[in-house]
Amino acid sequence: MKRLKAILYLALILCIATATVHSEYYSKSKSAVHMKEKVTHLHFFLHDILSGKNPTAVMVARPNQTDGKSPTPFGSLFAFDDPLRTGSEPTSKVIGNAQGLYLSSSQDINQFTIMMYADFAFTTGKFKGSSFGVFSRNPVVEPNRQVAVVGGRGKFRLARGFAKVKTAHFNGTNGDAILDYKVTLFHY
């Protein structure tokens, strides 16, 4: 009798465990509204300043061992809030800012590379309130390089694409840099 009860309980548990679950959340689907993908091309200059009284990038962590020869030694982590400008001159119009982190990820100073996460936000013009995100390896010593666009908000919702980056100016002593960005965004 105990054995029969145990078999009945087991059968009941198996029936309950395999019962079909009905849920409106999982069972209803709406047809997607077809949205036309847009392509936007942007050109601006990022001013990354490590020196002076008002730097736009600061080291927030560094390894215990450094060679002392580089302003951005291997393993150093920087937080930044860099202005985006219409030109390479420090007095050119500010159109937004890039905020994020970059990590000096190359051991060889001659192959200087960073890993960067940045949100490029626009504060003026037709893209005011919109931004796109970059999460990519950035081989700084290469004259022409690309970084990956991995998302966006506002007018750049669901953005994907790439940015071609050239160094317009670099000071190897203090780490100050001005970068020329040409961005291609695919978004909705």
N, C-alpha and C. Protein backbone atom coordinates (compact mmCIF):
# COMPACT_ATOMS: atom_id res chain seq x y z
N MET A 1 0.82 -1.19 0.00
CA MET A 1 0.00 0.00 0.00
C MET A 1 0.86 1.26 0.00
N LYS A 2 1.91 1.26 0.81
CA LYS A 2 2.81 2.41 0.85
C LYS A 2 3.47 2.61 -0.50
N ARG A 3 3.80 1.49 -1.12
CA ARG A 3 4.44 1.58 -2.43
C ARG A 3 3.49 2.16 -3.46
N LEU A 4 2.23 1.82 -3.43
CA LEU A 4 1.23 2.34 -4.35
C LEU A 4 1.03 3.83 -4.12
N LYS A 5 0.98 4.25 -2.84
CA LYS A 5 0.86 5.66 -2.53
C LYS A 5 2.05 6.45 -3.08
N ALA A 6 3.23 5.91 -2.90
CA ALA A 6 4.44 6.58 -3.38
C ALA A 6 4.40 6.72 -4.90
N ILE A 7 3.96 5.69 -5.59
CA ILE A 7 3.86 5.74 -7.05
C ILE A 7 2.82 6.77 -7.47
N LEU A 8 1.68 6.84 -6.77
CA LEU A 8 0.64 7.82 -7.08
C LEU A 8 1.14 9.25 -6.85
N TYR A 9 1.85 9.47 -5.73
CA TYR A 9 2.41 10.80 -5.47
C TYR A 9 3.41 11.20 -6.55
N LEU A 10 4.26 10.25 -6.93
CA LEU A 10 5.24 10.53 -7.97
C LEU A 10 4.54 10.85 -9.29
N ALA A 11 3.49 10.10 -9.62
CA ALA A 11 2.74 10.36 -10.86
C ALA A 11 2.07 11.74 -10.80
N LEU A 12 1.52 12.10 -9.64
CA LEU A 12 0.89 13.40 -9.47
C LEU A 12 1.91 14.53 -9.63
N ILE A 13 3.06 14.37 -9.03
CA ILE A 13 4.12 15.38 -9.13
C ILE A 13 4.56 15.53 -10.59
N LEU A 14 4.74 14.42 -11.29
CA LEU A 14 5.14 14.48 -12.70
C LEU A 14 4.06 15.15 -13.55
N CYS A 15 2.80 14.88 -13.26
CA CYS A 15 1.72 15.53 -14.02
C CYS A 15 1.71 17.04 -13.78
N ILE A 16 1.89 17.43 -12.54
CA ILE A 16 1.91 18.87 -12.23
C ILE A 16 3.11 19.53 -12.87
N ALA A 17 4.26 18.87 -12.82
CA ALA A 17 5.48 19.45 -13.37
C ALA A 17 5.42 19.60 -14.88
N THR A 18 4.67 18.75 -15.55
CA THR A 18 4.61 18.81 -17.01
C THR A 18 3.36 19.51 -17.53
N ALA A 19 2.55 20.06 -16.64
CA ALA A 19 1.33 20.76 -17.07
C ALA A 19 1.70 21.98 -17.90
N THR A 20 0.91 22.23 -18.92
CA THR A 20 1.15 23.38 -19.78
C THR A 20 0.85 24.65 -19.02
N VAL A 21 1.74 25.61 -19.13
CA VAL A 21 1.57 26.89 -18.47
C VAL A 21 1.06 27.87 -19.52
N HIS A 22 -0.02 28.56 -19.20
CA HIS A 22 -0.56 29.57 -20.10
C HIS A 22 -0.31 30.94 -19.49
N SER A 23 0.28 31.80 -20.27
CA SER A 23 0.58 33.13 -19.79
C SER A 23 0.40 34.11 -20.92
N GLU A 24 -0.30 35.20 -20.63
CA GLU A 24 -0.48 36.21 -21.66
C GLU A 24 0.86 36.82 -22.07
N TYR A 25 1.78 36.95 -21.12
CA TYR A 25 3.07 37.56 -21.41
C TYR A 25 3.81 36.77 -22.50
N TYR A 26 3.76 35.44 -22.41
CA TYR A 26 4.50 34.61 -23.35
C TYR A 26 3.66 34.18 -24.56
N SER A 27 2.35 34.23 -24.44
CA SER A 27 1.55 33.69 -25.53
C SER A 27 1.09 34.74 -26.53
N LYS A 28 1.06 36.01 -26.14
CA LYS A 28 0.63 37.03 -27.07
C LYS A 28 1.84 37.61 -27.79
N SER A 29 1.67 37.85 -29.04
CA SER A 29 2.72 38.55 -29.77
C SER A 29 2.07 39.57 -30.68
N LYS A 30 2.72 40.67 -30.81
CA LYS A 30 2.22 41.74 -31.66
C LYS A 30 3.11 41.83 -32.88
N SER A 31 2.53 42.17 -33.99
CA SER A 31 3.35 42.32 -35.18
C SER A 31 4.20 43.59 -35.03
N ALA A 32 5.44 43.46 -35.40
CA ALA A 32 6.36 44.59 -35.28
C ALA A 32 6.06 45.62 -36.35
N VAL A 33 6.11 46.87 -35.93
CA VAL A 33 5.95 47.96 -36.87
C VAL A 33 7.29 48.12 -37.58
N HIS A 34 7.26 48.09 -38.89
CA HIS A 34 8.51 48.20 -39.63
C HIS A 34 9.04 49.63 -39.52
N MET A 35 10.23 49.73 -38.97
CA MET A 35 10.87 51.04 -38.83
C MET A 35 12.01 51.11 -39.85
N LYS A 36 12.12 52.23 -40.51
CA LYS A 36 13.16 52.40 -41.51
C LYS A 36 14.48 52.76 -40.82
N GLU A 37 15.52 52.02 -41.18
CA GLU A 37 16.83 52.29 -40.62
C GLU A 37 17.42 53.54 -41.26
N LYS A 38 18.05 54.37 -40.43
CA LYS A 38 18.68 55.61 -40.88
C LYS A 38 20.19 55.46 -40.80
N VAL A 39 20.88 56.25 -41.60
CA VAL A 39 22.33 56.31 -41.54
C VAL A 39 22.71 57.76 -41.27
N THR A 40 23.54 57.96 -40.25
CA THR A 40 23.99 59.31 -39.90
C THR A 40 25.51 59.32 -39.90
N HIS A 41 26.08 60.36 -40.49
CA HIS A 41 27.53 60.58 -40.50
C HIS A 41 27.83 61.80 -39.64
N LEU A 42 28.75 61.65 -38.70
CA LEU A 42 29.14 62.73 -37.79
C LEU A 42 30.64 62.97 -37.90
N HIS A 43 31.04 64.22 -37.71
CA HIS A 43 32.46 64.56 -37.68
C HIS A 43 32.68 65.57 -36.55
N PHE A 44 33.57 65.24 -35.63
CA PHE A 44 33.88 66.12 -34.51
C PHE A 44 35.25 65.78 -33.97
N PHE A 45 35.72 66.59 -33.01
CA PHE A 45 37.03 66.39 -32.39
C PHE A 45 36.85 66.20 -30.89
N LEU A 46 37.49 65.18 -30.36
CA LEU A 46 37.48 64.90 -28.92
C LEU A 46 38.78 65.45 -28.35
N HIS A 47 38.67 66.27 -27.30
CA HIS A 47 39.84 66.88 -26.65
C HIS A 47 40.06 66.19 -25.31
N ASP A 48 41.07 65.33 -25.22
CA ASP A 48 41.38 64.56 -24.02
C ASP A 48 42.61 65.19 -23.36
N ILE A 49 42.39 65.88 -22.25
CA ILE A 49 43.46 66.65 -21.60
C ILE A 49 43.77 66.06 -20.22
N LEU A 50 45.01 65.58 -20.07
CA LEU A 50 45.47 64.99 -18.81
C LEU A 50 46.23 66.00 -17.95
N SER A 51 46.67 67.10 -18.55
CA SER A 51 47.54 68.05 -17.85
C SER A 51 46.78 69.30 -17.42
N GLY A 52 47.48 70.16 -16.68
CA GLY A 52 46.94 71.46 -16.31
C GLY A 52 46.06 71.42 -15.07
N LYS A 53 45.45 72.58 -14.78
CA LYS A 53 44.62 72.74 -13.58
C LYS A 53 43.23 72.13 -13.73
N ASN A 54 42.76 71.96 -14.96
CA ASN A 54 41.41 71.46 -15.19
C ASN A 54 41.44 70.31 -16.21
N PRO A 55 42.05 69.16 -15.85
CA PRO A 55 42.12 68.06 -16.81
C PRO A 55 40.73 67.47 -17.09
N THR A 56 40.57 66.92 -18.29
CA THR A 56 39.29 66.28 -18.65
C THR A 56 39.37 64.77 -18.46
N ALA A 57 40.57 64.26 -18.17
CA ALA A 57 40.76 62.84 -17.89
C ALA A 57 41.71 62.72 -16.71
N VAL A 58 41.37 61.82 -15.80
CA VAL A 58 42.21 61.61 -14.62
C VAL A 58 42.42 60.12 -14.38
N MET A 59 43.61 59.81 -13.89
CA MET A 59 43.90 58.41 -13.54
C MET A 59 43.17 58.08 -12.24
N VAL A 60 42.38 57.00 -12.26
CA VAL A 60 41.65 56.60 -11.06
C VAL A 60 42.24 55.34 -10.42
N ALA A 61 43.08 54.62 -11.18
CA ALA A 61 43.76 53.44 -10.64
C ALA A 61 45.01 53.19 -11.47
N ARG A 62 46.02 52.65 -10.81
CA ARG A 62 47.24 52.32 -11.53
C ARG A 62 47.88 51.11 -10.87
N PRO A 63 48.71 50.39 -11.62
CA PRO A 63 49.37 49.24 -11.02
C PRO A 63 50.47 49.68 -10.06
N ASN A 64 50.87 48.78 -9.20
CA ASN A 64 51.95 49.09 -8.25
C ASN A 64 53.28 49.26 -8.95
N GLN A 65 53.48 48.58 -10.06
CA GLN A 65 54.74 48.64 -10.77
C GLN A 65 54.55 49.41 -12.07
N THR A 66 55.28 50.48 -12.24
CA THR A 66 55.27 51.24 -13.49
C THR A 66 56.68 51.62 -13.86
N ASP A 67 56.90 51.89 -15.13
CA ASP A 67 58.24 52.25 -15.57
C ASP A 67 58.54 53.74 -15.41
N GLY A 68 57.51 54.57 -15.18
CA GLY A 68 57.70 55.99 -14.99
C GLY A 68 57.97 56.76 -16.27
N LYS A 69 57.98 56.09 -17.43
CA LYS A 69 58.30 56.75 -18.69
C LYS A 69 57.05 57.24 -19.43
N SER A 70 55.90 56.72 -19.10
CA SER A 70 54.69 57.03 -19.85
C SER A 70 53.67 57.72 -18.95
N PRO A 71 52.94 58.74 -19.47
CA PRO A 71 51.87 59.34 -18.67
C PRO A 71 50.67 58.41 -18.54
N THR A 72 50.63 57.35 -19.35
CA THR A 72 49.54 56.37 -19.31
C THR A 72 50.12 54.96 -19.27
N PRO A 73 50.78 54.58 -18.16
CA PRO A 73 51.45 53.27 -18.11
C PRO A 73 50.46 52.10 -18.14
N PHE A 74 50.97 50.94 -18.59
CA PHE A 74 50.18 49.71 -18.70
C PHE A 74 49.41 49.44 -17.40
N GLY A 75 48.12 49.15 -17.56
CA GLY A 75 47.28 48.82 -16.42
C GLY A 75 46.62 50.00 -15.76
N SER A 76 46.87 51.20 -16.25
CA SER A 76 46.28 52.41 -15.65
C SER A 76 44.86 52.60 -16.16
N LEU A 77 43.97 52.98 -15.24
CA LEU A 77 42.57 53.21 -15.57
C LEU A 77 42.26 54.70 -15.43
N PHE A 78 41.64 55.26 -16.44
CA PHE A 78 41.33 56.68 -16.48
C PHE A 78 39.81 56.88 -16.60
N ALA A 79 39.28 57.86 -15.89
CA ALA A 79 37.91 58.32 -16.08
C ALA A 79 38.01 59.63 -16.85
N PHE A 80 37.07 59.84 -17.78
CA PHE A 80 37.15 61.06 -18.57
C PHE A 80 35.79 61.67 -18.84
N ASP A 81 35.81 62.96 -19.00
CA ASP A 81 34.66 63.77 -19.40
C ASP A 81 35.21 64.80 -20.39
N ASP A 82 35.40 64.35 -21.63
CA ASP A 82 36.07 65.14 -22.65
C ASP A 82 35.08 65.92 -23.49
N PRO A 83 35.38 67.18 -23.80
CA PRO A 83 34.50 67.93 -24.69
C PRO A 83 34.61 67.43 -26.13
N LEU A 84 33.47 67.44 -26.82
CA LEU A 84 33.42 67.19 -28.26
C LEU A 84 33.30 68.56 -28.90
N ARG A 85 34.19 68.85 -29.84
CA ARG A 85 34.23 70.19 -30.45
C ARG A 85 34.12 70.07 -31.97
N THR A 86 33.75 71.18 -32.59
CA THR A 86 33.62 71.22 -34.05
C THR A 86 34.97 71.27 -34.74
N GLY A 87 36.03 71.63 -34.03
CA GLY A 87 37.36 71.73 -34.62
C GLY A 87 38.43 71.26 -33.66
N SER A 88 39.66 71.25 -34.15
CA SER A 88 40.78 70.79 -33.32
C SER A 88 41.31 71.90 -32.41
N GLU A 89 40.88 73.13 -32.63
CA GLU A 89 41.33 74.24 -31.79
C GLU A 89 40.62 74.19 -30.43
N PRO A 90 41.34 74.51 -29.35
CA PRO A 90 40.73 74.49 -28.02
C PRO A 90 39.59 75.50 -27.87
N THR A 91 39.49 76.47 -28.76
CA THR A 91 38.44 77.48 -28.69
C THR A 91 37.25 77.17 -29.60
N SER A 92 37.30 76.06 -30.34
CA SER A 92 36.19 75.73 -31.23
C SER A 92 34.94 75.37 -30.42
N LYS A 93 33.79 75.45 -31.06
CA LYS A 93 32.49 75.28 -30.40
C LYS A 93 32.34 73.87 -29.81
N VAL A 94 31.88 73.82 -28.55
CA VAL A 94 31.59 72.55 -27.89
C VAL A 94 30.19 72.10 -28.31
N ILE A 95 30.07 70.85 -28.80
CA ILE A 95 28.77 70.32 -29.24
C ILE A 95 28.30 69.16 -28.35
N GLY A 96 29.14 68.75 -27.41
CA GLY A 96 28.77 67.65 -26.53
C GLY A 96 29.95 67.22 -25.71
N ASN A 97 29.85 66.02 -25.15
CA ASN A 97 30.96 65.48 -24.37
C ASN A 97 30.95 63.97 -24.43
N ALA A 98 32.13 63.40 -24.22
CA ALA A 98 32.28 61.95 -24.13
C ALA A 98 32.67 61.64 -22.69
N GLN A 99 31.93 60.73 -22.09
CA GLN A 99 32.23 60.34 -20.71
C GLN A 99 32.43 58.84 -20.68
N GLY A 100 33.39 58.40 -19.87
CA GLY A 100 33.61 56.98 -19.76
C GLY A 100 34.92 56.64 -19.10
N LEU A 101 35.42 55.47 -19.48
CA LEU A 101 36.66 54.93 -18.92
C LEU A 101 37.54 54.43 -20.04
N TYR A 102 38.85 54.54 -19.84
CA TYR A 102 39.76 53.81 -20.72
C TYR A 102 40.89 53.23 -19.90
N LEU A 103 41.33 52.06 -20.35
CA LEU A 103 42.35 51.29 -19.66
C LEU A 103 43.54 51.13 -20.58
N SER A 104 44.71 51.50 -20.11
CA SER A 104 45.93 51.28 -20.89
C SER A 104 46.21 49.78 -20.90
N SER A 105 46.02 49.14 -22.07
CA SER A 105 46.01 47.68 -22.11
C SER A 105 47.19 47.05 -22.83
N SER A 106 48.17 47.84 -23.24
CA SER A 106 49.33 47.25 -23.91
C SER A 106 50.58 47.38 -23.03
N GLN A 107 51.33 46.30 -22.95
CA GLN A 107 52.57 46.33 -22.18
C GLN A 107 53.68 47.05 -22.91
N ASP A 108 53.65 47.00 -24.24
CA ASP A 108 54.68 47.64 -25.07
C ASP A 108 54.28 49.09 -25.33
N ILE A 109 55.06 50.03 -24.81
CA ILE A 109 54.74 51.46 -24.97
C ILE A 109 54.74 51.87 -26.44
N ASN A 110 55.47 51.14 -27.29
CA ASN A 110 55.51 51.46 -28.71
C ASN A 110 54.27 50.96 -29.45
N GLN A 111 53.48 50.12 -28.82
CA GLN A 111 52.23 49.62 -29.40
C GLN A 111 51.05 50.08 -28.54
N PHE A 112 51.11 51.29 -28.03
CA PHE A 112 50.14 51.82 -27.07
C PHE A 112 48.70 51.57 -27.53
N THR A 113 47.97 50.84 -26.71
CA THR A 113 46.57 50.48 -26.98
C THR A 113 45.76 50.69 -25.72
N ILE A 114 44.53 51.15 -25.91
CA ILE A 114 43.61 51.27 -24.78
C ILE A 114 42.34 50.47 -25.07
N MET A 115 41.67 50.06 -24.03
CA MET A 115 40.31 49.53 -24.11
C MET A 115 39.44 50.65 -23.59
N MET A 116 38.41 51.01 -24.35
CA MET A 116 37.61 52.15 -23.92
C MET A 116 36.13 51.83 -23.93
N TYR A 117 35.45 52.40 -22.93
CA TYR A 117 34.00 52.46 -22.91
C TYR A 117 33.67 53.94 -22.83
N ALA A 118 32.85 54.43 -23.75
CA ALA A 118 32.52 55.85 -23.74
C ALA A 118 31.10 56.07 -24.24
N ASP A 119 30.45 57.07 -23.68
CA ASP A 119 29.15 57.52 -24.15
C ASP A 119 29.36 58.91 -24.74
N PHE A 120 29.10 59.05 -26.04
CA PHE A 120 29.27 60.31 -26.75
C PHE A 120 27.92 61.01 -26.81
N ALA A 121 27.75 62.06 -26.01
CA ALA A 121 26.46 62.74 -25.88
C ALA A 121 26.52 64.11 -26.53
N PHE A 122 25.43 64.48 -27.18
CA PHE A 122 25.36 65.78 -27.86
C PHE A 122 24.47 66.72 -27.07
N THR A 123 24.95 67.95 -26.89
CA THR A 123 24.25 68.94 -26.06
C THR A 123 23.72 70.11 -26.86
N THR A 124 23.98 70.14 -28.16
CA THR A 124 23.48 71.22 -29.03
C THR A 124 23.07 70.63 -30.37
N GLY A 125 22.36 71.43 -31.16
CA GLY A 125 22.02 71.04 -32.53
C GLY A 125 20.89 70.03 -32.60
N LYS A 126 20.72 69.44 -33.78
CA LYS A 126 19.58 68.55 -34.01
C LYS A 126 19.71 67.22 -33.26
N PHE A 127 20.90 66.89 -32.75
CA PHE A 127 21.08 65.65 -32.00
C PHE A 127 21.14 65.88 -30.49
N LYS A 128 20.77 67.07 -30.04
CA LYS A 128 20.77 67.40 -28.62
C LYS A 128 19.95 66.36 -27.85
N GLY A 129 20.54 65.83 -26.77
CA GLY A 129 19.86 64.83 -25.95
C GLY A 129 20.06 63.41 -26.44
N SER A 130 20.78 63.21 -27.52
CA SER A 130 21.04 61.88 -28.06
C SER A 130 22.50 61.51 -27.82
N SER A 131 22.76 60.21 -27.79
CA SER A 131 24.13 59.76 -27.62
C SER A 131 24.31 58.39 -28.25
N PHE A 132 25.57 58.02 -28.44
CA PHE A 132 25.90 56.66 -28.86
C PHE A 132 27.03 56.15 -28.00
N GLY A 133 27.12 54.83 -27.86
CA GLY A 133 28.13 54.22 -27.01
C GLY A 133 29.18 53.48 -27.81
N VAL A 134 30.42 53.56 -27.31
CA VAL A 134 31.55 52.86 -27.91
C VAL A 134 32.13 51.94 -26.84
N PHE A 135 32.36 50.70 -27.22
CA PHE A 135 33.08 49.77 -26.35
C PHE A 135 34.02 49.02 -27.27
N SER A 136 35.31 49.35 -27.20
CA SER A 136 36.19 48.82 -28.22
C SER A 136 37.66 48.93 -27.82
N ARG A 137 38.46 48.14 -28.49
CA ARG A 137 39.91 48.25 -28.43
C ARG A 137 40.31 49.41 -29.32
N ASN A 138 41.25 50.23 -28.86
CA ASN A 138 41.66 51.40 -29.61
C ASN A 138 43.19 51.42 -29.68
N PRO A 139 43.77 50.93 -30.80
CA PRO A 139 45.22 50.92 -30.95
C PRO A 139 45.73 52.32 -31.28
N VAL A 140 46.03 53.10 -30.28
CA VAL A 140 46.29 54.53 -30.38
C VAL A 140 47.42 54.86 -31.35
N VAL A 141 48.46 54.04 -31.45
CA VAL A 141 49.61 54.36 -32.30
C VAL A 141 49.32 54.17 -33.79
N GLU A 142 48.23 53.49 -34.14
CA GLU A 142 47.89 53.34 -35.55
C GLU A 142 47.33 54.66 -36.07
N PRO A 143 47.81 55.12 -37.22
CA PRO A 143 47.37 56.43 -37.72
C PRO A 143 45.87 56.46 -38.07
N ASN A 144 45.35 55.39 -38.61
CA ASN A 144 43.93 55.28 -38.94
C ASN A 144 43.38 54.05 -38.24
N ARG A 145 42.45 54.25 -37.38
CA ARG A 145 41.91 53.12 -36.62
C ARG A 145 40.39 53.23 -36.55
N GLN A 146 39.75 52.15 -36.14
CA GLN A 146 38.30 52.14 -36.00
C GLN A 146 37.93 51.60 -34.63
N VAL A 147 36.84 52.15 -34.09
CA VAL A 147 36.27 51.64 -32.84
C VAL A 147 34.80 51.31 -33.11
N ALA A 148 34.27 50.39 -32.33
CA ALA A 148 32.92 49.89 -32.56
C ALA A 148 31.87 50.69 -31.79
N VAL A 149 30.80 51.06 -32.47
CA VAL A 149 29.63 51.67 -31.84
C VAL A 149 28.69 50.52 -31.47
N VAL A 150 28.28 50.48 -30.20
CA VAL A 150 27.52 49.33 -29.71
C VAL A 150 26.12 49.66 -29.20
N GLY A 151 25.67 50.90 -29.35
CA GLY A 151 24.33 51.25 -28.91
C GLY A 151 24.13 52.74 -28.92
N GLY A 152 22.92 53.15 -28.55
CA GLY A 152 22.64 54.57 -28.51
C GLY A 152 21.30 54.85 -27.87
N ARG A 153 21.01 56.14 -27.71
CA ARG A 153 19.73 56.57 -27.14
C ARG A 153 19.28 57.83 -27.86
N GLY A 154 18.05 58.22 -27.62
CA GLY A 154 17.50 59.39 -28.29
C GLY A 154 17.37 59.13 -29.78
N LYS A 155 17.85 60.04 -30.60
CA LYS A 155 17.77 59.87 -32.05
C LYS A 155 18.68 58.76 -32.56
N PHE A 156 19.58 58.27 -31.71
CA PHE A 156 20.47 57.18 -32.09
C PHE A 156 20.06 55.85 -31.45
N ARG A 157 18.78 55.71 -31.15
CA ARG A 157 18.27 54.49 -30.53
C ARG A 157 18.65 53.27 -31.37
N LEU A 158 19.11 52.24 -30.72
CA LEU A 158 19.55 50.98 -31.34
C LEU A 158 20.71 51.18 -32.32
N ALA A 159 21.56 52.15 -32.05
CA ALA A 159 22.67 52.44 -32.96
C ALA A 159 23.68 51.30 -33.01
N ARG A 160 24.24 51.17 -34.18
CA ARG A 160 25.39 50.30 -34.40
C ARG A 160 26.22 51.00 -35.46
N GLY A 161 27.47 50.65 -35.54
CA GLY A 161 28.31 51.29 -36.53
C GLY A 161 29.76 51.33 -36.10
N PHE A 162 30.46 52.36 -36.56
CA PHE A 162 31.88 52.47 -36.27
C PHE A 162 32.30 53.92 -36.34
N ALA A 163 33.45 54.18 -35.72
CA ALA A 163 34.05 55.51 -35.79
C ALA A 163 35.47 55.35 -36.30
N LYS A 164 35.82 56.12 -37.32
CA LYS A 164 37.20 56.19 -37.78
C LYS A 164 37.88 57.27 -36.96
N VAL A 165 38.99 56.92 -36.36
CA VAL A 165 39.67 57.84 -35.44
C VAL A 165 41.09 58.10 -35.93
N LYS A 166 41.44 59.38 -35.98
CA LYS A 166 42.82 59.80 -36.28
C LYS A 166 43.28 60.71 -35.16
N THR A 167 44.54 60.64 -34.84
CA THR A 167 45.09 61.55 -33.84
C THR A 167 45.47 62.85 -34.54
N ALA A 168 44.80 63.94 -34.16
CA ALA A 168 45.11 65.25 -34.73
C ALA A 168 46.29 65.89 -33.99
N HIS A 169 46.41 65.59 -32.69
CA HIS A 169 47.51 66.12 -31.88
C HIS A 169 47.74 65.17 -30.71
N PHE A 170 49.01 64.93 -30.38
CA PHE A 170 49.35 64.12 -29.21
C PHE A 170 50.62 64.66 -28.58
N ASN A 171 50.59 64.88 -27.28
CA ASN A 171 51.76 65.30 -26.53
C ASN A 171 52.23 64.09 -25.72
N GLY A 172 53.35 63.50 -26.14
CA GLY A 172 53.85 62.29 -25.49
C GLY A 172 54.37 62.51 -24.09
N THR A 173 54.65 63.74 -23.72
CA THR A 173 55.14 64.06 -22.39
C THR A 173 54.02 64.05 -21.35
N ASN A 174 52.91 64.72 -21.66
CA ASN A 174 51.84 64.82 -20.67
C ASN A 174 50.59 64.01 -21.02
N GLY A 175 50.52 63.42 -22.21
CA GLY A 175 49.39 62.57 -22.59
C GLY A 175 48.21 63.29 -23.21
N ASP A 176 48.27 64.62 -23.33
CA ASP A 176 47.16 65.37 -23.94
C ASP A 176 46.99 64.94 -25.40
N ALA A 177 45.73 64.81 -25.84
CA ALA A 177 45.46 64.38 -27.21
C ALA A 177 44.21 65.05 -27.74
N ILE A 178 44.21 65.30 -29.04
CA ILE A 178 43.02 65.76 -29.76
C ILE A 178 42.78 64.73 -30.85
N LEU A 179 41.59 64.15 -30.85
CA LEU A 179 41.26 63.05 -31.75
C LEU A 179 40.18 63.47 -32.73
N ASP A 180 40.39 63.15 -33.98
CA ASP A 180 39.47 63.45 -35.07
C ASP A 180 38.56 62.22 -35.27
N TYR A 181 37.26 62.39 -35.01
CA TYR A 181 36.29 61.31 -35.12
C TYR A 181 35.40 61.51 -36.33
N LYS A 182 35.31 60.49 -37.18
CA LYS A 182 34.34 60.43 -38.28
C LYS A 182 33.51 59.18 -38.03
N VAL A 183 32.23 59.40 -37.69
CA VAL A 183 31.38 58.33 -37.20
C VAL A 183 30.30 58.00 -38.22
N THR A 184 30.06 56.71 -38.42
CA THR A 184 28.94 56.23 -39.23
C THR A 184 28.03 55.43 -38.31
N LEU A 185 26.77 55.91 -38.20
CA LEU A 185 25.79 55.25 -37.32
C LEU A 185 24.63 54.71 -38.15
N PHE A 186 24.22 53.51 -37.85
CA PHE A 186 23.00 52.92 -38.39
C PHE A 186 22.03 52.85 -37.21
N HIS A 187 20.87 53.45 -37.33
CA HIS A 187 19.96 53.52 -36.19
C HIS A 187 18.52 53.69 -36.68
N TYR A 188 17.58 53.68 -35.74
CA TYR A 188 16.15 53.83 -36.07
C TYR A 188 15.60 55.13 -35.55
